[in-house]
Amino acid sequence: MKDKLELIAAKEFTYYDEMYKVVDFLNKNLSEHDLVFGITERDDKHIINIYKEK
């Protein structure tokens, strides 16, 4: 992994128990494009963050 990540997008969704599987799928399939996906929880929502490796 490169030294820094730049946040390029974030989207809030209704809580979904298996959202981590979506994020895992995206990371496994798009890492070669220097993209990293993350997930955070806030209240009853999930937030998916998309980062670009610098």
PDB file of N, CA and C in Angstrom:
ATOM      1  N   MET A   1       0.835  -1.174   0.000  1.00  0.00           N
ATOM      2  CA  MET A   1       0.000   0.000   0.000  1.00  0.00           C
ATOM      3  C   MET A   1       0.883   1.241   0.000  1.00  0.00           C
ATOM      4  N   LYS A   2       0.446   2.252  -0.664  1.00  0.00           N
ATOM      5  CA  LYS A   2       1.210   3.490  -0.734  1.00  0.00           C
ATOM      6  C   LYS A   2       1.055   4.271   0.562  1.00  0.00           C
ATOM      7  N   ASP A   3       1.807   5.366   0.684  1.00  0.00           N
ATOM      8  CA  ASP A   3       1.872   6.100   1.945  1.00  0.00           C
ATOM      9  C   ASP A   3       0.580   6.807   2.343  1.00  0.00           C
ATOM     10  N   LYS A   4      -0.147   7.380   1.397  1.00  0.00           N
ATOM     11  CA  LYS A   4      -1.295   8.200   1.765  1.00  0.00           C
ATOM     12  C   LYS A   4      -2.535   7.808   0.989  1.00  0.00           C
ATOM     13  N   LEU A   5      -3.671   8.064   1.634  1.00  0.00           N
ATOM     14  CA  LEU A   5      -4.963   7.847   1.002  1.00  0.00           C
ATOM     15  C   LEU A   5      -5.697   9.176   0.936  1.00  0.00           C
ATOM     16  N   GLU A   6      -6.327   9.433  -0.196  1.00  0.00           N
ATOM     17  CA  GLU A   6      -7.118  10.641  -0.379  1.00  0.00           C
ATOM     18  C   GLU A   6      -8.587  10.236  -0.451  1.00  0.00           C
ATOM     19  N   LEU A   7      -9.408  10.793   0.417  1.00  0.00           N
ATOM     20  CA  LEU A   7     -10.833  10.514   0.390  1.00  0.00           C
ATOM     21  C   LEU A   7     -11.424  11.160  -0.860  1.00  0.00           C
ATOM     22  N   ILE A   8     -12.073  10.362  -1.701  1.00  0.00           N
ATOM     23  CA  ILE A   8     -12.646  10.931  -2.922  1.00  0.00           C
ATOM     24  C   ILE A   8     -14.172  10.886  -2.926  1.00  0.00           C
ATOM     25  N   ALA A   9     -14.771  10.054  -2.053  1.00  0.00           N
ATOM     26  CA  ALA A   9     -16.231  10.013  -1.983  1.00  0.00           C
ATOM     27  C   ALA A   9     -16.671   9.307  -0.712  1.00  0.00           C
ATOM     28  N   ALA A  10     -17.853   9.675  -0.243  1.00  0.00           N
ATOM     29  CA  ALA A  10     -18.475   9.011   0.900  1.00  0.00           C
ATOM     30  C   ALA A  10     -19.980   9.010   0.675  1.00  0.00           C
ATOM     31  N   LYS A  11     -20.615   7.909   1.048  1.00  0.00           N
ATOM     32  CA  LYS A  11     -22.060   7.788   0.868  1.00  0.00           C
ATOM     33  C   LYS A  11     -22.649   7.065   2.063  1.00  0.00           C
ATOM     34  N   GLU A  12     -23.744   7.610   2.596  1.00  0.00           N
ATOM     35  CA  GLU A  12     -24.413   7.030   3.746  1.00  0.00           C
ATOM     36  C   GLU A  12     -25.563   6.141   3.276  1.00  0.00           C
ATOM     37  N   PHE A  13     -25.687   4.974   3.916  1.00  0.00           N
ATOM     38  CA  PHE A  13     -26.734   4.009   3.579  1.00  0.00           C
ATOM     39  C   PHE A  13     -27.446   3.556   4.847  1.00  0.00           C
ATOM     40  N   THR A  14     -28.658   3.061   4.690  1.00  0.00           N
ATOM     41  CA  THR A  14     -29.360   2.422   5.787  1.00  0.00           C
ATOM     42  C   THR A  14     -28.546   1.214   6.232  1.00  0.00           C
ATOM     43  N   TYR A  15     -28.508   0.971   7.540  1.00  0.00           N
ATOM     44  CA  TYR A  15     -27.741  -0.136   8.087  1.00  0.00           C
ATOM     45  C   TYR A  15     -28.129  -1.450   7.414  1.00  0.00           C
ATOM     46  N   TYR A  16     -27.118  -2.231   7.062  1.00  0.00           N
ATOM     47  CA  TYR A  16     -27.292  -3.534   6.434  1.00  0.00           C
ATOM     48  C   TYR A  16     -26.244  -4.462   7.027  1.00  0.00           C
ATOM     49  N   ASP A  17     -26.682  -5.564   7.616  1.00  0.00           N
ATOM     50  CA  ASP A  17     -25.782  -6.479   8.337  1.00  0.00           C
ATOM     51  C   ASP A  17     -24.584  -6.944   7.535  1.00  0.00           C
ATOM     52  N   GLU A  18     -24.739  -7.140   6.239  1.00  0.00           N
ATOM     53  CA  GLU A  18     -23.658  -7.712   5.444  1.00  0.00           C
ATOM     54  C   GLU A  18     -22.973  -6.688   4.544  1.00  0.00           C
ATOM     55  N   MET A  19     -23.075  -5.417   4.887  1.00  0.00           N
ATOM     56  CA  MET A  19     -22.436  -4.374   4.078  1.00  0.00           C
ATOM     57  C   MET A  19     -20.922  -4.583   4.019  1.00  0.00           C
ATOM     58  N   TYR A  20     -20.340  -5.143   5.065  1.00  0.00           N
ATOM     59  CA  TYR A  20     -18.895  -5.393   5.061  1.00  0.00           C
ATOM     60  C   TYR A  20     -18.503  -6.333   3.915  1.00  0.00           C
ATOM     61  N   LYS A  21     -19.410  -7.211   3.505  1.00  0.00           N
ATOM     62  CA  LYS A  21     -19.118  -8.113   2.392  1.00  0.00           C
ATOM     63  C   LYS A  21     -19.029  -7.343   1.078  1.00  0.00           C
ATOM     64  N   VAL A  22     -19.855  -6.323   0.936  1.00  0.00           N
ATOM     65  CA  VAL A  22     -19.806  -5.471  -0.255  1.00  0.00           C
ATOM     66  C   VAL A  22     -18.470  -4.746  -0.307  1.00  0.00           C
ATOM     67  N   VAL A  23     -18.060  -4.169   0.825  1.00  0.00           N
ATOM     68  CA  VAL A  23     -16.792  -3.439   0.898  1.00  0.00           C
ATOM     69  C   VAL A  23     -15.621  -4.383   0.637  1.00  0.00           C
ATOM     70  N   ASP A  24     -15.662  -5.574   1.192  1.00  0.00           N
ATOM     71  CA  ASP A  24     -14.610  -6.566   0.957  1.00  0.00           C
ATOM     72  C   ASP A  24     -14.528  -6.922  -0.527  1.00  0.00           C
ATOM     73  N   PHE A  25     -15.667  -7.138  -1.156  1.00  0.00           N
ATOM     74  CA  PHE A  25     -15.720  -7.441  -2.586  1.00  0.00           C
ATOM     75  C   PHE A  25     -15.099  -6.318  -3.415  1.00  0.00           C
ATOM     76  N   LEU A  26     -15.468  -5.076  -3.099  1.00  0.00           N
ATOM     77  CA  LEU A  26     -14.926  -3.932  -3.831  1.00  0.00           C
ATOM     78  C   LEU A  26     -13.412  -3.845  -3.661  1.00  0.00           C
ATOM     79  N   ASN A  27     -12.920  -4.019  -2.443  1.00  0.00           N
ATOM     80  CA  ASN A  27     -11.477  -3.957  -2.201  1.00  0.00           C
ATOM     81  C   ASN A  27     -10.725  -5.043  -2.963  1.00  0.00           C
ATOM     82  N   LYS A  28     -11.265  -6.246  -2.979  1.00  0.00           N
ATOM     83  CA  LYS A  28     -10.593  -7.353  -3.668  1.00  0.00           C
ATOM     84  C   LYS A  28     -10.546  -7.149  -5.179  1.00  0.00           C
ATOM     85  N   ASN A  29     -11.561  -6.506  -5.728  1.00  0.00           N
ATOM     86  CA  ASN A  29     -11.661  -6.394  -7.179  1.00  0.00           C
ATOM     87  C   ASN A  29     -11.192  -5.068  -7.756  1.00  0.00           C
ATOM     88  N   LEU A  30     -11.044  -4.047  -6.935  1.00  0.00           N
ATOM     89  CA  LEU A  30     -10.656  -2.743  -7.465  1.00  0.00           C
ATOM     90  C   LEU A  30      -9.336  -2.217  -6.912  1.00  0.00           C
ATOM     91  N   SER A  31      -8.646  -3.017  -6.117  1.00  0.00           N
ATOM     92  CA  SER A  31      -7.375  -2.571  -5.549  1.00  0.00           C
ATOM     93  C   SER A  31      -6.333  -2.298  -6.630  1.00  0.00           C
ATOM     94  N   GLU A  32      -6.412  -3.011  -7.746  1.00  0.00           N
ATOM     95  CA  GLU A  32      -5.446  -2.798  -8.830  1.00  0.00           C
ATOM     96  C   GLU A  32      -5.619  -1.432  -9.491  1.00  0.00           C
ATOM     97  N   HIS A  33      -6.714  -0.758  -9.183  1.00  0.00           N
ATOM     98  CA  HIS A  33      -6.968   0.586  -9.711  1.00  0.00           C
ATOM     99  C   HIS A  33      -6.636   1.661  -8.672  1.00  0.00           C
ATOM    100  N   ASP A  34      -5.880   1.270  -7.641  1.00  0.00           N
ATOM    101  CA  ASP A  34      -5.455   2.167  -6.556  1.00  0.00           C
ATOM    102  C   ASP A  34      -6.633   2.734  -5.773  1.00  0.00           C
ATOM    103  N   LEU A  35      -7.705   1.953  -5.638  1.00  0.00           N
ATOM    104  CA  LEU A  35      -8.861   2.353  -4.848  1.00  0.00           C
ATOM    105  C   LEU A  35      -8.944   1.493  -3.595  1.00  0.00           C
ATOM    106  N   VAL A  36      -9.316   2.134  -2.490  1.00  0.00           N
ATOM    107  CA  VAL A  36      -9.492   1.453  -1.218  1.00  0.00           C
ATOM    108  C   VAL A  36     -10.859   1.872  -0.672  1.00  0.00           C
ATOM    109  N   PHE A  37     -11.618   0.898  -0.195  1.00  0.00           N
ATOM    110  CA  PHE A  37     -12.947   1.164   0.332  1.00  0.00           C
ATOM    111  C   PHE A  37     -12.959   0.904   1.829  1.00  0.00           C
ATOM    112  N   GLY A  38     -13.678   1.744   2.549  1.00  0.00           N
ATOM    113  CA  GLY A  38     -13.807   1.583   3.989  1.00  0.00           C
ATOM    114  C   GLY A  38     -15.257   1.740   4.392  1.00  0.00           C
ATOM    115  N   ILE A  39     -15.569   1.270   5.589  1.00  0.00           N
ATOM    116  CA  ILE A  39     -16.937   1.368   6.085  1.00  0.00           C
ATOM    117  C   ILE A  39     -16.910   1.804   7.538  1.00  0.00           C
ATOM    118  N   THR A  40     -17.810   2.699   7.881  1.00  0.00           N
ATOM    119  CA  THR A  40     -17.976   3.119   9.262  1.00  0.00           C
ATOM    120  C   THR A  40     -19.457   3.071   9.601  1.00  0.00           C
ATOM    121  N   GLU A  41     -19.748   2.953  10.886  1.00  0.00           N
ATOM    122  CA  GLU A  41     -21.131   2.945  11.356  1.00  0.00           C
ATOM    123  C   GLU A  41     -21.387   4.200  12.172  1.00  0.00           C
ATOM    124  N   ARG A  42     -22.544   4.782  11.952  1.00  0.00           N
ATOM    125  CA  ARG A  42     -22.978   5.926  12.750  1.00  0.00           C
ATOM    126  C   ARG A  42     -24.473   5.781  12.964  1.00  0.00           C
ATOM    127  N   ASP A  43     -24.883   5.718  14.223  1.00  0.00           N
ATOM    128  CA  ASP A  43     -26.291   5.498  14.577  1.00  0.00           C
ATOM    129  C   ASP A  43     -26.789   4.236  13.876  1.00  0.00           C
ATOM    130  N   ASP A  44     -27.805   4.341  13.066  1.00  0.00           N
ATOM    131  CA  ASP A  44     -28.329   3.174  12.347  1.00  0.00           C
ATOM    132  C   ASP A  44     -27.981   3.248  10.864  1.00  0.00           C
ATOM    133  N   LYS A  45     -26.837   3.844  10.558  1.00  0.00           N
ATOM    134  CA  LYS A  45     -26.400   4.032   9.174  1.00  0.00           C
ATOM    135  C   LYS A  45     -25.004   3.450   8.970  1.00  0.00           C
ATOM    136  N   HIS A  46     -24.710   3.091   7.746  1.00  0.00           N
ATOM    137  CA  HIS A  46     -23.355   2.728   7.317  1.00  0.00           C
ATOM    138  C   HIS A  46     -22.871   3.819   6.376  1.00  0.00           C
ATOM    139  N   ILE A  47     -21.621   4.140   6.468  1.00  0.00           N
ATOM    140  CA  ILE A  47     -21.011   5.092   5.550  1.00  0.00           C
ATOM    141  C   ILE A  47     -19.886   4.376   4.838  1.00  0.00           C
ATOM    142  N   ILE A  48     -19.963   4.344   3.509  1.00  0.00           N
ATOM    143  CA  ILE A  48     -18.894   3.757   2.708  1.00  0.00           C
ATOM    144  C   ILE A  48     -18.024   4.894   2.202  1.00  0.00           C
ATOM    145  N   ASN A  49     -16.732   4.768   2.443  1.00  0.00           N
ATOM    146  CA  ASN A  49     -15.753   5.754   1.995  1.00  0.00           C
ATOM    147  C   ASN A  49     -14.914   5.151   0.876  1.00  0.00           C
ATOM    148  N   ILE A  50     -14.622   5.965  -0.123  1.00  0.00           N
ATOM    149  CA  ILE A  50     -13.760   5.534  -1.215  1.00  0.00           C
ATOM    150  C   ILE A  50     -12.505   6.405  -1.178  1.00  0.00           C
ATOM    151  N   TYR A  51     -11.363   5.738  -1.164  1.00  0.00           N
ATOM    152  CA  TYR A  51     -10.072   6.421  -1.113  1.00  0.00           C
ATOM    153  C   TYR A  51      -9.271   6.086  -2.348  1.00  0.00           C
ATOM    154  N   LYS A  52      -8.446   7.031  -2.773  1.00  0.00           N
ATOM    155  CA  LYS A  52      -7.500   6.836  -3.863  1.00  0.00           C
ATOM    156  C   LYS A  52      -6.115   6.828  -3.246  1.00  0.00           C
ATOM    157  N   GLU A  53      -5.313   5.815  -3.575  1.00  0.00           N
ATOM    158  CA  GLU A  53      -3.936   5.770  -3.084  1.00  0.00           C
ATOM    159  C   GLU A  53      -3.106   6.807  -3.821  1.00  0.00           C
ATOM    160  N   LYS A  54      -2.299   7.517  -3.063  1.00  0.00           N
ATOM    161  CA  LYS A  54      -1.414   8.544  -3.655  1.00  0.00           C
ATOM    162  C   LYS A  54      -0.029   7.997  -3.786  1.00  0.00           C
TER     163      LYS A  54
END
